[in-house]
C-alpha atoms as a PDB file:
ATOM      1  CA  MET A   1     -34.141 -41.297 -52.807  1.00  0.00           C
ATOM      2  CA  PRO A   2     -32.809 -44.611 -51.508  1.00  0.00           C
ATOM      3  CA  LYS A   3     -30.621 -46.719 -53.762  1.00  0.00           C
ATOM      4  CA  MET A   4     -32.066 -49.585 -55.813  1.00  0.00           C
ATOM      5  CA  LYS A   5     -31.271 -52.965 -54.295  1.00  0.00           C
ATOM      6  CA  THR A   6     -29.860 -55.757 -56.430  1.00  0.00           C
ATOM      7  CA  HIS A   7     -32.372 -58.586 -56.901  1.00  0.00           C
ATOM      8  CA  SER A   8     -31.087 -61.483 -54.765  1.00  0.00           C
ATOM      9  CA  GLY A   9     -32.361 -64.176 -57.151  1.00  0.00           C
ATOM     10  CA  ALA A  10     -30.854 -62.462 -60.193  1.00  0.00           C
ATOM     11  CA  LYS A  11     -27.408 -61.971 -58.667  1.00  0.00           C
ATOM     12  CA  LYS A  12     -27.207 -65.735 -58.012  1.00  0.00           C
ATOM     13  CA  ARG A  13     -28.270 -66.638 -61.571  1.00  0.00           C
ATOM     14  CA  PHE A  14     -26.602 -64.088 -63.847  1.00  0.00           C
ATOM     15  CA  LYS A  15     -23.107 -62.668 -64.277  1.00  0.00           C
ATOM     16  CA  LYS A  16     -21.863 -59.750 -66.332  1.00  0.00           C
ATOM     17  CA  SER A  17     -18.954 -60.614 -68.630  1.00  0.00           C
ATOM     18  CA  ALA A  18     -15.951 -58.300 -69.024  1.00  0.00           C
ATOM     19  CA  THR A  19     -17.430 -56.947 -72.267  1.00  0.00           C
ATOM     20  CA  GLY A  20     -20.784 -56.241 -70.588  1.00  0.00           C
ATOM     21  CA  LYS A  21     -22.751 -59.216 -71.911  1.00  0.00           C
ATOM     22  CA  ILE A  22     -25.082 -61.041 -69.530  1.00  0.00           C
ATOM     23  CA  ARG A  23     -24.402 -64.743 -69.033  1.00  0.00           C
ATOM     24  CA  GLY A  24     -26.558 -67.373 -67.343  1.00  0.00           C
ATOM     25  CA  ARG A  25     -27.174 -71.094 -67.185  1.00  0.00           C
ATOM     26  CA  HIS A  26     -28.513 -73.107 -70.096  1.00  0.00           C
ATOM     27  CA  ALA A  27     -31.991 -74.599 -69.916  1.00  0.00           C
ATOM     28  CA  PHE A  28     -32.409 -78.420 -69.984  1.00  0.00           C
ATOM     29  CA  SER A  29     -29.183 -79.046 -68.064  1.00  0.00           C
ATOM     30  CA  SER A  30     -30.298 -80.255 -64.643  1.00  0.00           C
ATOM     31  CA  HIS A  31     -32.076 -83.600 -64.990  1.00  0.00           C
ATOM     32  CA  ILE A  32     -32.989 -86.386 -67.459  1.00  0.00           C
ATOM     33  CA  LEU A  33     -29.354 -86.313 -68.579  1.00  0.00           C
ATOM     34  CA  GLU A  34     -29.082 -90.035 -69.385  1.00  0.00           C
ATOM     35  CA  LYS A  35     -30.604 -89.681 -72.850  1.00  0.00           C
ATOM     36  CA  LYS A  36     -28.579 -86.585 -73.765  1.00  0.00           C
ATOM     37  CA  SER A  37     -25.291 -87.034 -75.594  1.00  0.00           C
ATOM     38  CA  PRO A  38     -22.013 -86.175 -73.846  1.00  0.00           C
ATOM     39  CA  LYS A  39     -21.414 -83.425 -76.418  1.00  0.00           C
ATOM     40  CA  LYS A  40     -24.795 -81.834 -75.652  1.00  0.00           C
ATOM     41  CA  LYS A  41     -24.165 -82.022 -71.887  1.00  0.00           C
ATOM     42  CA  ARG A  42     -20.708 -80.455 -72.269  1.00  0.00           C
ATOM     43  CA  ASN A  43     -22.171 -77.566 -74.231  1.00  0.00           C
ATOM     44  CA  LEU A  44     -24.979 -77.074 -71.702  1.00  0.00           C
ATOM     45  CA  ALA A  45     -22.411 -76.828 -68.887  1.00  0.00           C
ATOM     46  CA  ARG A  46     -20.912 -73.636 -70.343  1.00  0.00           C
ATOM     47  CA  PRO A  47     -22.669 -70.328 -69.601  1.00  0.00           C
ATOM     48  CA  ALA A  48     -25.317 -69.221 -72.088  1.00  0.00           C
ATOM     49  CA  GLN A  49     -25.726 -65.697 -73.401  1.00  0.00           C
ATOM     50  CA  ILE A  50     -29.088 -64.231 -72.392  1.00  0.00           C
ATOM     51  CA  ALA A  51     -31.521 -63.385 -75.223  1.00  0.00           C
ATOM     52  CA  LYS A  52     -31.505 -59.749 -76.411  1.00  0.00           C
ATOM     53  CA  VAL A  53     -35.116 -59.162 -75.338  1.00  0.00           C
ATOM     54  CA  ASP A  54     -34.369 -60.257 -71.755  1.00  0.00           C
ATOM     55  CA  VAL A  55     -31.155 -58.245 -71.306  1.00  0.00           C
ATOM     56  CA  PRO A  56     -32.786 -54.919 -70.245  1.00  0.00           C
ATOM     57  CA  ASN A  57     -34.838 -56.660 -67.535  1.00  0.00           C
ATOM     58  CA  VAL A  58     -31.850 -58.601 -66.193  1.00  0.00           C
ATOM     59  CA  ARG A  59     -29.681 -55.460 -66.190  1.00  0.00           C
ATOM     60  CA  LYS A  60     -32.353 -53.663 -64.172  1.00  0.00           C
ATOM     61  CA  LEU A  61     -32.485 -56.506 -61.637  1.00  0.00           C
ATOM     62  CA  LEU A  62     -28.680 -56.517 -61.340  1.00  0.00           C
ATOM     63  CA  GLY A  63     -28.627 -52.754 -60.834  1.00  0.00           C
ATOM     64  CA  GLY A  64     -26.804 -52.096 -64.094  1.00  0.00           C
ATOM     65  CA  GLY A  65     -28.564 -48.843 -64.903  1.00  0.00           C
ATOM     66  CA  LYS A  66     -29.204 -48.439 -68.627  1.00  0.00           C
END
């Protein structure tokens, strides 16, 4: 059997942390930033942890196995 290819879109959007958690960008961080507070924008700039229900799908797309 041929190897599974990593999903090109997923590899650009998600990273695996050293402990194995999946990190990605926050939602609501790209436009209409004028009305958001500086504190909110700072927090949105940091990577977000992906929701538990989405982790298996993202791992599969990244070629993480189980």
